[in-house]
Amino acid sequence: MPFEPFERYSPYGTPQDVAEFLSPYIDAGCSAFNVIPCAADDESAIAAVDELRQLLIDVRHPDMLSMRSEPR
């Protein structure tokens, strides 16, 4: 089955792309998302989800930068 029928409901791309897709849901009050990353390996997937988390914290609580992960 082609992806196009589901494209408008499925965030994909870079963590920034996914954060932009999810931002309206945050604005509407959503506070939790189930994310299933697709990446070349587990380490890349975890890094991408962490980046997404940090971007969404910035969208939801720009004053809560202390919640951001420290660089490794």
PDB file of N, CA and C in Angstrom:
ATOM      1  N   MET A   1       0.845  -1.169   0.000  1.00  0.00           N
ATOM      2  CA  MET A   1       0.000   0.000   0.000  1.00  0.00           C
ATOM      3  C   MET A   1       0.899   1.244   0.000  1.00  0.00           C
ATOM      4  N   PRO A   2       0.595   2.227  -0.807  1.00  0.00           N
ATOM      5  CA  PRO A   2       1.411   3.444  -0.851  1.00  0.00           C
ATOM      6  C   PRO A   2       1.272   4.277   0.430  1.00  0.00           C
ATOM      7  N   PHE A   3       2.316   5.038   0.718  1.00  0.00           N
ATOM      8  CA  PHE A   3       2.357   5.860   1.929  1.00  0.00           C
ATOM      9  C   PHE A   3       1.455   7.085   1.830  1.00  0.00           C
ATOM     10  N   GLU A   4       1.219   7.585   0.646  1.00  0.00           N
ATOM     11  CA  GLU A   4       0.508   8.855   0.459  1.00  0.00           C
ATOM     12  C   GLU A   4      -0.820   8.969   1.211  1.00  0.00           C
ATOM     13  N   PRO A   5      -1.661   7.925   1.256  1.00  0.00           N
ATOM     14  CA  PRO A   5      -2.919   8.080   1.983  1.00  0.00           C
ATOM     15  C   PRO A   5      -2.736   8.332   3.495  1.00  0.00           C
ATOM     16  N   PHE A   6      -1.580   7.943   4.029  1.00  0.00           N
ATOM     17  CA  PHE A   6      -1.330   8.074   5.453  1.00  0.00           C
ATOM     18  C   PHE A   6      -0.412   9.249   5.787  1.00  0.00           C
ATOM     19  N   GLU A   7       0.145   9.881   4.775  1.00  0.00           N
ATOM     20  CA  GLU A   7       1.159  10.921   4.956  1.00  0.00           C
ATOM     21  C   GLU A   7       0.681  12.059   5.852  1.00  0.00           C
ATOM     22  N   ARG A   8      -0.551  12.473   5.704  1.00  0.00           N
ATOM     23  CA  ARG A   8      -1.040  13.605   6.503  1.00  0.00           C
ATOM     24  C   ARG A   8      -1.247  13.270   7.967  1.00  0.00           C
ATOM     25  N   TYR A   9      -1.227  11.980   8.307  1.00  0.00           N
ATOM     26  CA  TYR A   9      -1.420  11.543   9.689  1.00  0.00           C
ATOM     27  C   TYR A   9      -0.141  11.027  10.352  1.00  0.00           C
ATOM     28  N   SER A  10       0.930  10.908   9.584  1.00  0.00           N
ATOM     29  CA  SER A  10       2.150  10.274  10.069  1.00  0.00           C
ATOM     30  C   SER A  10       3.340  11.220   9.982  1.00  0.00           C
ATOM     31  N   PRO A  11       3.833  11.697  11.114  1.00  0.00           N
ATOM     32  CA  PRO A  11       5.007  12.569  11.053  1.00  0.00           C
ATOM     33  C   PRO A  11       6.233  11.774  10.611  1.00  0.00           C
ATOM     34  N   TYR A  12       7.064  12.394   9.805  1.00  0.00           N
ATOM     35  CA  TYR A  12       8.278  11.735   9.312  1.00  0.00           C
ATOM     36  C   TYR A  12       9.294  12.807   8.945  1.00  0.00           C
ATOM     37  N   GLY A  13      10.522  12.390   8.800  1.00  0.00           N
ATOM     38  CA  GLY A  13      11.593  13.305   8.414  1.00  0.00           C
ATOM     39  C   GLY A  13      12.561  13.520   9.561  1.00  0.00           C
ATOM     40  N   THR A  14      13.150  14.681   9.603  1.00  0.00           N
ATOM     41  CA  THR A  14      14.102  15.018  10.655  1.00  0.00           C
ATOM     42  C   THR A  14      13.362  15.251  11.973  1.00  0.00           C
ATOM     43  N   PRO A  15      14.072  15.247  13.083  1.00  0.00           N
ATOM     44  CA  PRO A  15      13.406  15.598  14.341  1.00  0.00           C
ATOM     45  C   PRO A  15      12.714  16.964  14.269  1.00  0.00           C
ATOM     46  N   GLN A  16      13.312  17.915  13.567  1.00  0.00           N
ATOM     47  CA  GLN A  16      12.688  19.233  13.397  1.00  0.00           C
ATOM     48  C   GLN A  16      11.371  19.112  12.627  1.00  0.00           C
ATOM     49  N   ASP A  17      11.358  18.306  11.565  1.00  0.00           N
ATOM     50  CA  ASP A  17      10.126  18.090  10.787  1.00  0.00           C
ATOM     51  C   ASP A  17       9.018  17.498  11.662  1.00  0.00           C
ATOM     52  N   VAL A  18       9.390  16.503  12.462  1.00  0.00           N
ATOM     53  CA  VAL A  18       8.408  15.843  13.316  1.00  0.00           C
ATOM     54  C   VAL A  18       7.914  16.803  14.403  1.00  0.00           C
ATOM     55  N   ALA A  19       8.813  17.597  14.970  1.00  0.00           N
ATOM     56  CA  ALA A  19       8.416  18.581  15.979  1.00  0.00           C
ATOM     57  C   ALA A  19       7.428  19.586  15.389  1.00  0.00           C
ATOM     58  N   GLU A  20       7.666  20.038  14.181  1.00  0.00           N
ATOM     59  CA  GLU A  20       6.746  20.974  13.526  1.00  0.00           C
ATOM     60  C   GLU A  20       5.384  20.328  13.295  1.00  0.00           C
ATOM     61  N   PHE A  21       5.378  19.051  12.929  1.00  0.00           N
ATOM     62  CA  PHE A  21       4.130  18.323  12.718  1.00  0.00           C
ATOM     63  C   PHE A  21       3.350  18.201  14.030  1.00  0.00           C
ATOM     64  N   LEU A  22       4.055  17.925  15.123  1.00  0.00           N
ATOM     65  CA  LEU A  22       3.400  17.683  16.407  1.00  0.00           C
ATOM     66  C   LEU A  22       3.040  18.960  17.166  1.00  0.00           C
ATOM     67  N   SER A  23       3.638  20.070  16.845  1.00  0.00           N
ATOM     68  CA  SER A  23       3.412  21.325  17.568  1.00  0.00           C
ATOM     69  C   SER A  23       1.941  21.713  17.692  1.00  0.00           C
ATOM     70  N   PRO A  24       1.132  21.611  16.643  1.00  0.00           N
ATOM     71  CA  PRO A  24      -0.284  21.962  16.807  1.00  0.00           C
ATOM     72  C   PRO A  24      -1.009  21.085  17.835  1.00  0.00           C
ATOM     73  N   TYR A  25      -0.576  19.835  17.965  1.00  0.00           N
ATOM     74  CA  TYR A  25      -1.184  18.948  18.960  1.00  0.00           C
ATOM     75  C   TYR A  25      -0.819  19.412  20.369  1.00  0.00           C
ATOM     76  N   ILE A  26       0.413  19.875  20.537  1.00  0.00           N
ATOM     77  CA  ILE A  26       0.827  20.429  21.832  1.00  0.00           C
ATOM     78  C   ILE A  26      -0.004  21.667  22.134  1.00  0.00           C
ATOM     79  N   ASP A  27      -0.159  22.539  21.132  1.00  0.00           N
ATOM     80  CA  ASP A  27      -0.964  23.746  21.318  1.00  0.00           C
ATOM     81  C   ASP A  27      -2.406  23.415  21.703  1.00  0.00           C
ATOM     82  N   ALA A  28      -2.894  22.257  21.235  1.00  0.00           N
ATOM     83  CA  ALA A  28      -4.266  21.837  21.539  1.00  0.00           C
ATOM     84  C   ALA A  28      -4.372  21.110  22.873  1.00  0.00           C
ATOM     85  N   GLY A  29      -3.224  20.892  23.549  1.00  0.00           N
ATOM     86  CA  GLY A  29      -3.263  20.298  24.868  1.00  0.00           C
ATOM     87  C   GLY A  29      -2.690  18.899  24.999  1.00  0.00           C
ATOM     88  N   CYS A  30      -2.229  18.314  23.922  1.00  0.00           N
ATOM     89  CA  CYS A  30      -1.641  16.976  24.008  1.00  0.00           C
ATOM     90  C   CYS A  30      -0.349  17.043  24.824  1.00  0.00           C
ATOM     91  N   SER A  31      -0.171  16.092  25.721  1.00  0.00           N
ATOM     92  CA  SER A  31       1.025  16.103  26.564  1.00  0.00           C
ATOM     93  C   SER A  31       1.864  14.842  26.435  1.00  0.00           C
ATOM     94  N   ALA A  32       1.451  13.890  25.610  1.00  0.00           N
ATOM     95  CA  ALA A  32       2.220  12.655  25.432  1.00  0.00           C
ATOM     96  C   ALA A  32       2.071  12.158  24.001  1.00  0.00           C
ATOM     97  N   PHE A  33       3.149  11.645  23.454  1.00  0.00           N
ATOM     98  CA  PHE A  33       3.152  11.075  22.110  1.00  0.00           C
ATOM     99  C   PHE A  33       3.817   9.712  22.152  1.00  0.00           C
ATOM    100  N   ASN A  34       3.340   8.792  21.340  1.00  0.00           N
ATOM    101  CA  ASN A  34       4.020   7.521  21.124  1.00  0.00           C
ATOM    102  C   ASN A  34       4.820   7.671  19.842  1.00  0.00           C
ATOM    103  N   VAL A  35       6.131   7.531  19.948  1.00  0.00           N
ATOM    104  CA  VAL A  35       7.016   7.734  18.807  1.00  0.00           C
ATOM    105  C   VAL A  35       7.711   6.416  18.489  1.00  0.00           C
ATOM    106  N   ILE A  36       7.660   6.020  17.243  1.00  0.00           N
ATOM    107  CA  ILE A  36       8.371   4.836  16.787  1.00  0.00           C
ATOM    108  C   ILE A  36       9.379   5.313  15.743  1.00  0.00           C
ATOM    109  N   PRO A  37      10.625   5.476  16.139  1.00  0.00           N
ATOM    110  CA  PRO A  37      11.620   6.004  15.200  1.00  0.00           C
ATOM    111  C   PRO A  37      12.070   4.950  14.204  1.00  0.00           C
ATOM    112  N   CYS A  38      12.425   5.410  13.030  1.00  0.00           N
ATOM    113  CA  CYS A  38      13.039   4.574  12.004  1.00  0.00           C
ATOM    114  C   CYS A  38      14.425   5.149  11.754  1.00  0.00           C
ATOM    115  N   ALA A  39      15.445   4.334  11.952  1.00  0.00           N
ATOM    116  CA  ALA A  39      16.818   4.800  11.778  1.00  0.00           C
ATOM    117  C   ALA A  39      17.700   3.619  11.390  1.00  0.00           C
ATOM    118  N   ALA A  40      18.921   3.925  11.008  1.00  0.00           N
ATOM    119  CA  ALA A  40      19.867   2.891  10.587  1.00  0.00           C
ATOM    120  C   ALA A  40      20.241   1.953  11.732  1.00  0.00           C
ATOM    121  N   ASP A  41      20.236   2.474  12.966  1.00  0.00           N
ATOM    122  CA  ASP A  41      20.594   1.656  14.124  1.00  0.00           C
ATOM    123  C   ASP A  41      19.927   2.235  15.373  1.00  0.00           C
ATOM    124  N   ASP A  42      19.985   1.471  16.451  1.00  0.00           N
ATOM    125  CA  ASP A  42      19.337   1.898  17.693  1.00  0.00           C
ATOM    126  C   ASP A  42      19.910   3.206  18.227  1.00  0.00           C
ATOM    127  N   GLU A  43      21.215   3.355  18.162  1.00  0.00           N
ATOM    128  CA  GLU A  43      21.843   4.578  18.676  1.00  0.00           C
ATOM    129  C   GLU A  43      21.342   5.816  17.936  1.00  0.00           C
ATOM    130  N   SER A  44      21.219   5.732  16.624  1.00  0.00           N
ATOM    131  CA  SER A  44      20.704   6.855  15.832  1.00  0.00           C
ATOM    132  C   SER A  44      19.245   7.133  16.161  1.00  0.00           C
ATOM    133  N   ALA A  45      18.471   6.077  16.355  1.00  0.00           N
ATOM    134  CA  ALA A  45      17.053   6.239  16.694  1.00  0.00           C
ATOM    135  C   ALA A  45      16.902   6.931  18.040  1.00  0.00           C
ATOM    136  N   ILE A  46      17.680   6.501  19.022  1.00  0.00           N
ATOM    137  CA  ILE A  46      17.604   7.106  20.358  1.00  0.00           C
ATOM    138  C   ILE A  46      18.030   8.568  20.301  1.00  0.00           C
ATOM    139  N   ALA A  47      19.084   8.870  19.553  1.00  0.00           N
ATOM    140  CA  ALA A  47      19.551  10.253  19.430  1.00  0.00           C
ATOM    141  C   ALA A  47      18.484  11.128  18.772  1.00  0.00           C
ATOM    142  N   ALA A  48      17.808  10.594  17.757  1.00  0.00           N
ATOM    143  CA  ALA A  48      16.772  11.368  17.067  1.00  0.00           C
ATOM    144  C   ALA A  48      15.583  11.634  17.983  1.00  0.00           C
ATOM    145  N   VAL A  49      15.178  10.645  18.768  1.00  0.00           N
ATOM    146  CA  VAL A  49      14.059  10.836  19.693  1.00  0.00           C
ATOM    147  C   VAL A  49      14.445  11.823  20.792  1.00  0.00           C
ATOM    148  N   ASP A  50      15.686  11.773  21.246  1.00  0.00           N
ATOM    149  CA  ASP A  50      16.136  12.745  22.247  1.00  0.00           C
ATOM    150  C   ASP A  50      16.097  14.157  21.674  1.00  0.00           C
ATOM    151  N   GLU A  51      16.549  14.307  20.432  1.00  0.00           N
ATOM    152  CA  GLU A  51      16.494  15.631  19.796  1.00  0.00           C
ATOM    153  C   GLU A  51      15.046  16.098  19.663  1.00  0.00           C
ATOM    154  N   LEU A  52      14.159  15.201  19.257  1.00  0.00           N
ATOM    155  CA  LEU A  52      12.737  15.535  19.153  1.00  0.00           C
ATOM    156  C   LEU A  52      12.198  15.966  20.512  1.00  0.00           C
ATOM    157  N   ARG A  53      12.523  15.228  21.555  1.00  0.00           N
ATOM    158  CA  ARG A  53      12.077  15.569  22.905  1.00  0.00           C
ATOM    159  C   ARG A  53      12.508  16.981  23.279  1.00  0.00           C
ATOM    160  N   GLN A  54      13.751  17.310  23.007  1.00  0.00           N
ATOM    161  CA  GLN A  54      14.256  18.636  23.338  1.00  0.00           C
ATOM    162  C   GLN A  54      13.540  19.720  22.536  1.00  0.00           C
ATOM    163  N   LEU A  55      13.281  19.459  21.272  1.00  0.00           N
ATOM    164  CA  LEU A  55      12.551  20.428  20.452  1.00  0.00           C
ATOM    165  C   LEU A  55      11.128  20.627  20.973  1.00  0.00           C
ATOM    166  N   LEU A  56      10.477  19.547  21.378  1.00  0.00           N
ATOM    167  CA  LEU A  56       9.113  19.660  21.880  1.00  0.00           C
ATOM    168  C   LEU A  56       9.063  20.351  23.229  1.00  0.00           C
ATOM    169  N   ILE A  57      10.069  20.159  24.062  1.00  0.00           N
ATOM    170  CA  ILE A  57      10.143  20.912  25.318  1.00  0.00           C
ATOM    171  C   ILE A  57      10.228  22.396  25.011  1.00  0.00           C
ATOM    172  N   ASP A  58      11.028  22.766  24.020  1.00  0.00           N
ATOM    173  CA  ASP A  58      11.156  24.172  23.642  1.00  0.00           C
ATOM    174  C   ASP A  58       9.826  24.747  23.172  1.00  0.00           C
ATOM    175  N   VAL A  59       9.046  23.947  22.440  1.00  0.00           N
ATOM    176  CA  VAL A  59       7.745  24.400  21.939  1.00  0.00           C
ATOM    177  C   VAL A  59       6.758  24.548  23.088  1.00  0.00           C
ATOM    178  N   ARG A  60       6.734  23.550  23.947  1.00  0.00           N
ATOM    179  CA  ARG A  60       5.733  23.506  25.011  1.00  0.00           C
ATOM    180  C   ARG A  60       6.071  24.425  26.176  1.00  0.00           C
ATOM    181  N   HIS A  61       7.339  24.460  26.540  1.00  0.00           N
ATOM    182  CA  HIS A  61       7.765  25.232  27.704  1.00  0.00           C
ATOM    183  C   HIS A  61       9.081  25.943  27.393  1.00  0.00           C
ATOM    184  N   PRO A  62       9.055  26.986  26.608  1.00  0.00           N
ATOM    185  CA  PRO A  62      10.316  27.642  26.261  1.00  0.00           C
ATOM    186  C   PRO A  62      11.062  28.173  27.483  1.00  0.00           C
ATOM    187  N   ASP A  63      10.362  28.342  28.587  1.00  0.00           N
ATOM    188  CA  ASP A  63      11.006  28.827  29.809  1.00  0.00           C
ATOM    189  C   ASP A  63      11.642  27.702  30.628  1.00  0.00           C
ATOM    190  N   MET A  64      11.490  26.444  30.193  1.00  0.00           N
ATOM    191  CA  MET A  64      11.990  25.307  30.957  1.00  0.00           C
ATOM    192  C   MET A  64      13.231  24.692  30.320  1.00  0.00           C
ATOM    193  N   LEU A  65      14.158  25.503  29.912  1.00  0.00           N
ATOM    194  CA  LEU A  65      15.361  24.995  29.268  1.00  0.00           C
ATOM    195  C   LEU A  65      16.174  24.100  30.186  1.00  0.00           C
ATOM    196  N   SER A  66      15.966  24.169  31.486  1.00  0.00           N
ATOM    197  CA  SER A  66      16.694  23.307  32.409  1.00  0.00           C
ATOM    198  C   SER A  66      16.326  21.839  32.234  1.00  0.00           C
ATOM    199  N   MET A  67      15.197  21.537  31.578  1.00  0.00           N
ATOM    200  CA  MET A  67      14.804  20.143  31.331  1.00  0.00           C
ATOM    201  C   MET A  67      15.596  19.520  30.192  1.00  0.00           C
ATOM    202  N   ARG A  68      16.280  20.334  29.430  1.00  0.00           N
ATOM    203  CA  ARG A  68      17.031  19.828  28.293  1.00  0.00           C
ATOM    204  C   ARG A  68      18.162  18.943  28.739  1.00  0.00           C
ATOM    205  N   SER A  69      18.472  17.952  27.957  1.00  0.00           N
ATOM    206  CA  SER A  69      19.581  17.053  28.261  1.00  0.00           C
ATOM    207  C   SER A  69      20.893  17.799  28.071  1.00  0.00           C
ATOM    208  N   GLU A  70      21.836  17.450  28.902  1.00  0.00           N
ATOM    209  CA  GLU A  70      23.180  18.018  28.738  1.00  0.00           C
ATOM    210  C   GLU A  70      23.847  17.332  27.553  1.00  0.00           C
ATOM    211  N   PRO A  71      24.650  18.066  26.764  1.00  0.00           N
ATOM    212  CA  PRO A  71      25.352  17.440  25.645  1.00  0.00           C
ATOM    213  C   PRO A  71      26.282  16.343  26.143  1.00  0.00           C
ATOM    214  N   ARG A  72      26.377  15.302  25.350  1.00  0.00           N
ATOM    215  CA  ARG A  72      27.235  14.165  25.741  1.00  0.00           C
ATOM    216  C   ARG A  72      28.551  14.223  25.052  1.00  0.00           C
TER     217      ARG A  72
END
